[in-house]
Protein backbone atom coordinates (compact mmCIF):
# COMPACT_ATOMS: atom_id res chain seq x y z
CA MET A 1 -0.02 0.00 -0.02
CA ASN A 2 1.46 3.31 -1.05
CA LEU A 3 1.38 6.05 1.65
CA VAL A 4 1.42 8.88 -0.91
CA GLU A 5 -1.89 7.72 -2.37
CA ASN A 6 -3.50 7.87 1.03
CA PHE A 7 -2.55 11.47 1.79
CA SER A 8 -5.53 13.72 2.25
CA VAL A 9 -6.73 16.88 3.96
CA ASP A 10 -6.12 15.20 7.32
CA ASN A 11 -2.38 14.96 6.61
CA ILE A 12 -2.23 18.59 5.58
CA ALA A 13 -4.21 19.54 8.73
CA GLY A 14 -1.68 17.60 10.77
CA ILE A 15 1.23 19.52 9.26
CA ILE A 16 -0.58 22.90 9.92
CA LEU A 17 -1.56 22.02 13.47
CA SER A 18 1.95 20.78 14.37
CA PHE A 19 3.52 23.90 12.93
CA CYS A 20 1.06 26.24 14.70
CA ILE A 21 1.37 24.45 18.06
CA PHE A 22 5.09 23.78 18.12
CA THR A 23 6.57 26.96 16.60
CA PRO A 24 5.70 29.25 19.58
CA LYS A 25 6.76 26.54 21.99
CA ILE A 26 10.16 26.07 20.29
CA ILE A 27 10.76 29.84 20.24
CA SER A 28 9.83 29.99 23.96
CA ASN A 29 12.09 27.03 24.78
CA LEU A 30 15.04 28.67 22.98
CA LYS A 31 14.56 31.91 24.96
CA THR A 32 14.03 30.13 28.27
CA ARG A 33 16.88 27.68 27.76
CA ARG A 34 19.34 30.54 27.48
CA ALA A 35 18.15 31.86 30.81
CA ASN A 36 17.89 28.56 32.70
CA ASN A 37 19.90 25.51 31.60
CA LYS A 38 18.71 23.19 34.41
CA LYS A 39 15.83 21.84 32.35
CA GLY A 40 18.10 20.61 29.48
CA VAL A 41 17.12 16.92 29.62
CA LEU A 42 13.41 17.82 29.86
CA TYR A 43 13.71 20.15 26.87
CA LEU A 44 15.38 17.41 24.89
CA LEU A 45 12.55 14.99 25.80
CA GLU A 46 10.05 17.61 24.84
CA VAL A 47 11.66 18.18 21.47
CA VAL A 48 11.80 14.43 20.76
CA LEU A 49 8.08 14.18 21.66
CA MET A 50 7.35 17.13 19.39
CA CYS A 51 9.05 15.32 16.49
CA VAL A 52 7.25 12.06 17.18
CA ILE A 53 3.84 13.77 17.43
CA THR A 54 4.45 15.82 14.28
CA PHE A 55 5.29 12.56 12.43
CA LEU A 56 2.18 10.88 13.83
CA MET A 57 -0.03 13.89 12.92
CA VAL A 58 1.09 13.57 9.28
CA VAL A 59 1.75 9.85 8.71
CA PRO A 60 -1.10 7.54 9.71
CA VAL A 61 0.98 5.05 11.68
CA GLY A 62 -1.13 2.52 13.59
CA THR A 63 -4.34 3.28 11.71
CA PRO A 64 -6.37 0.72 9.73
CA ARG A 65 -4.98 0.37 6.14
CA LEU A 66 -2.48 3.17 6.85
CA LYS A 67 -5.18 5.73 6.12
CA PHE A 68 -6.80 8.35 8.28
CA GLY A 69 -10.53 7.87 8.65
CA TYR A 70 -12.99 9.28 11.11
CA VAL A 71 -14.89 6.92 13.39
CA SER A 72 -18.29 8.42 12.72
CA GLY A 73 -18.03 9.81 9.17
CA MET A 74 -17.47 13.20 7.69
CA GLY A 75 -20.01 15.00 9.89
CA VAL A 76 -17.65 14.51 12.83
CA ALA A 77 -14.76 15.66 10.62
CA TYR A 78 -16.38 18.96 9.81
CA ILE A 79 -17.23 19.57 13.50
CA TRP A 80 -13.65 18.67 14.49
CA PHE A 81 -12.16 20.97 11.90
CA LEU A 82 -14.17 23.82 13.33
CA SER A 83 -13.03 22.84 16.78
CA TYR A 84 -9.36 22.71 15.58
CA SER A 85 -9.76 26.24 14.38
CA MET A 86 -11.30 27.51 17.63
CA LEU A 87 -8.77 25.75 19.84
CA LEU A 88 -5.85 26.90 17.73
CA PHE A 89 -7.07 30.47 17.77
CA ILE A 90 -7.33 30.40 21.57
CA TYR A 91 -3.91 28.72 21.86
CA LEU A 92 -2.18 31.24 19.65
CA LEU A 93 -3.99 34.14 21.29
CA SER A 94 -2.77 32.89 24.68
CA TRP A 95 0.84 32.96 23.37
CA HIS A 96 0.36 36.45 21.87
CA LEU A 97 -1.18 37.94 25.09
CA SER A 98 1.09 36.02 27.35
CA ASP A 99 2.37 37.78 30.50
CA LYS A 100 3.80 34.76 32.24
CA ASP A 101 0.52 34.16 33.99
CA GLU A 102 -0.15 30.67 35.27
CA LYS A 103 -3.60 30.63 33.67
CA ASP A 104 -2.03 31.26 30.29
CA SER A 105 0.45 28.49 30.94
CA ARG A 106 -2.29 26.05 31.74
CA VAL A 107 -4.10 26.92 28.50
CA ARG A 108 -0.89 26.37 26.54
CA VAL A 109 -0.51 22.92 28.13
CA ILE A 110 -4.15 21.76 27.97
CA ILE A 111 -5.10 22.78 24.45
CA PRO A 112 -2.38 20.82 22.60
CA ALA A 113 -3.13 17.77 24.78
CA ILE A 114 -6.84 18.02 23.85
CA ILE A 115 -5.98 18.36 20.17
CA PHE A 116 -3.58 15.43 20.07
CA ILE A 117 -5.64 13.03 22.18
CA VAL A 118 -9.01 13.74 20.54
CA ARG A 119 -7.44 13.64 17.06
CA GLY A 120 -6.00 10.26 17.97
CA LEU A 121 -9.34 9.01 19.23
CA LEU A 122 -11.29 10.24 16.27
CA LEU A 123 -8.79 8.90 13.70
CA ARG A 124 -8.31 5.61 15.65
CA GLN A 125 -4.59 6.37 16.02
CA TRP A 126 -4.02 5.14 19.51
CA ILE A 127 -0.23 5.76 19.38
CA LEU A 128 -0.95 9.53 18.98
CA CYS A 129 -3.15 9.40 22.06
CA VAL A 130 -0.38 7.85 24.10
CA PHE A 131 2.32 10.30 22.89
CA GLY A 132 -0.09 13.21 23.33
CA ALA A 133 -0.66 12.23 26.97
CA ILE A 134 3.08 11.85 27.58
CA PHE A 135 3.71 15.21 25.94
CA ALA A 136 1.02 16.80 28.16
CA ILE A 137 2.74 15.45 31.29
CA VAL A 138 6.21 16.59 30.25
CA ASP A 139 4.96 19.95 29.06
CA TYR A 140 3.04 20.48 32.31
CA TYR A 141 6.10 19.70 34.33
CA ILE A 142 8.29 22.09 32.34
CA THR A 143 5.70 24.86 32.11
CA ILE A 144 3.98 24.79 35.52
CA ALA A 145 5.42 22.41 38.06
CA LEU A 146 9.10 23.15 37.68
CA PRO A 147 8.82 26.94 37.77
CA LYS A 148 6.67 26.71 40.93
CA LYS A 149 9.28 24.49 42.52
CA GLN A 150 12.12 26.86 41.61
CA SER A 151 10.23 29.91 42.88
CA THR A 152 9.54 28.17 46.19
CA GLN A 153 13.26 27.32 46.55
CA LEU A 154 14.23 30.91 45.76
CA SER A 155 11.84 32.39 48.33
CA GLU A 156 13.25 30.15 51.11
């Protein structure tokens, strides 16, 4: 079975989503890494997870017949594409209006996790669900838990 023949709008949507989600995160990681090098291994793990998720968003690994296909037909696909747009808009807006607020950080952790996990569920790509959950845990730790821990140590 030729993978190129099976490429569709879902593959292009995966490229666009990955680019829109990971570009601000990579820029932020580069800026933050210069300031604080203690998270080096976690940043490396996060980058590896970004690469794996981007690959899984584009190439239908683990799906029936190596082709993306929605569980409930195209009606769900249209609703999900509208949801992608809304979630992506909120996500990018939270990056644009960011003021290092913890609420913004939570939004920037939760929305990609929702996108990856629900996309994996709808397309029956369970591997994407697993890597999306792992990415959410690592991203939560880097974005929220570790800065809290460091600020607590500095105040003592």
